[in-house]
Amino acid sequence: MIPATPPRTAIRLFSVLITALFLSACDGKNSFSNYSNYDLSQEYQKCQRGGLSPAGAQRCNNVEAECKRRKEESSYRC
């Protein structure tokens, strides 16, 4: 007879693995930190056009955050 629910140890192991997966995905940088200055400025210009979806608005928030970080570090302006 197979039990209806998995054993507690399997659930705990699964929870630990999922937590480790999420934490390893967080490196403290956004996805635009690897962009060249030119590519970042192109993305910034796209954001200035408006008419963005919610996901597009979040993307633009990340672009602006990277522009701000670069401005503070090296006086770069998007």
Protein backbone atom coordinates (compact mmCIF):
# COMPACT_ATOMS: atom_id res chain seq x y z
CA MET A 1 0.00 0.00 0.00
CA ILE A 2 1.38 3.45 -0.99
CA PRO A 3 0.90 6.28 1.51
CA ALA A 4 -1.30 9.19 0.37
CA THR A 5 1.20 11.86 1.43
CA PRO A 6 4.99 11.86 1.09
CA PRO A 7 7.04 11.33 4.22
CA ARG A 8 8.02 14.43 6.18
CA THR A 9 11.71 14.01 5.38
CA ALA A 10 10.98 14.15 1.64
CA ILE A 11 8.96 17.33 2.10
CA ARG A 12 11.75 18.92 4.16
CA LEU A 13 14.37 17.91 1.60
CA PHE A 14 12.28 19.36 -1.20
CA SER A 15 11.82 22.61 0.76
CA VAL A 16 15.55 22.92 1.37
CA LEU A 17 16.32 22.35 -2.31
CA ILE A 18 13.78 24.94 -3.45
CA THR A 19 15.10 27.48 -0.94
CA ALA A 20 18.68 26.88 -2.09
CA LEU A 21 17.59 27.31 -5.70
CA PHE A 22 15.96 30.67 -5.00
CA LEU A 23 18.88 31.94 -2.95
CA SER A 24 21.41 30.96 -5.59
CA ALA A 25 19.47 32.97 -8.17
CA CYS A 26 19.95 36.16 -6.12
CA ASP A 27 23.40 37.55 -6.79
CA GLY A 28 22.65 41.15 -5.80
CA LYS A 29 22.95 42.47 -9.35
CA ASN A 30 20.26 43.11 -11.88
CA SER A 31 20.27 41.63 -15.34
CA PHE A 32 21.53 44.87 -16.88
CA SER A 33 24.85 44.96 -15.05
CA ASN A 34 26.41 42.96 -17.90
CA TYR A 35 25.18 45.35 -20.60
CA SER A 36 27.65 47.68 -22.30
CA ASN A 37 27.07 51.41 -21.85
CA TYR A 38 25.76 51.63 -25.41
CA ASP A 39 23.29 48.76 -24.95
CA LEU A 40 22.11 50.18 -21.65
CA SER A 41 21.51 53.59 -23.23
CA GLN A 42 19.48 51.91 -26.02
CA GLU A 43 17.31 50.17 -23.42
CA TYR A 44 16.90 53.47 -21.55
CA GLN A 45 15.71 55.19 -24.74
CA LYS A 46 13.12 52.46 -25.30
CA CYS A 47 11.79 53.14 -21.80
CA GLN A 48 11.30 56.82 -22.51
CA ARG A 49 8.76 56.07 -25.26
CA GLY A 50 6.03 55.11 -22.80
CA GLY A 51 3.03 52.82 -23.28
CA LEU A 52 4.57 50.01 -21.25
CA SER A 53 3.00 46.85 -19.92
CA PRO A 54 3.47 46.12 -16.21
CA ALA A 55 6.38 43.80 -17.06
CA GLY A 56 7.85 46.47 -19.33
CA ALA A 57 7.57 49.05 -16.55
CA GLN A 58 9.45 46.74 -14.18
CA ARG A 59 12.13 46.22 -16.83
CA CYS A 60 12.48 49.99 -17.15
CA ASN A 61 12.76 50.32 -13.37
CA ASN A 62 15.69 47.90 -13.52
CA VAL A 63 17.28 49.83 -16.40
CA GLU A 64 16.95 53.10 -14.48
CA ALA A 65 18.42 51.50 -11.35
CA GLU A 66 21.45 50.33 -13.35
CA CYS A 67 21.82 53.81 -14.89
CA LYS A 68 21.74 55.34 -11.41
CA ARG A 69 24.32 52.82 -10.13
CA ARG A 70 26.68 53.59 -13.02
CA LYS A 71 26.20 57.33 -12.55
CA GLU A 72 27.24 57.04 -8.89
CA GLU A 73 30.23 54.83 -9.72
CA SER A 74 31.62 56.50 -12.82
CA SER A 75 29.49 59.57 -13.66
CA TYR A 76 27.96 57.68 -16.61
CA ARG A 77 24.67 59.08 -17.88
CA CYS A 78 22.17 57.05 -19.88
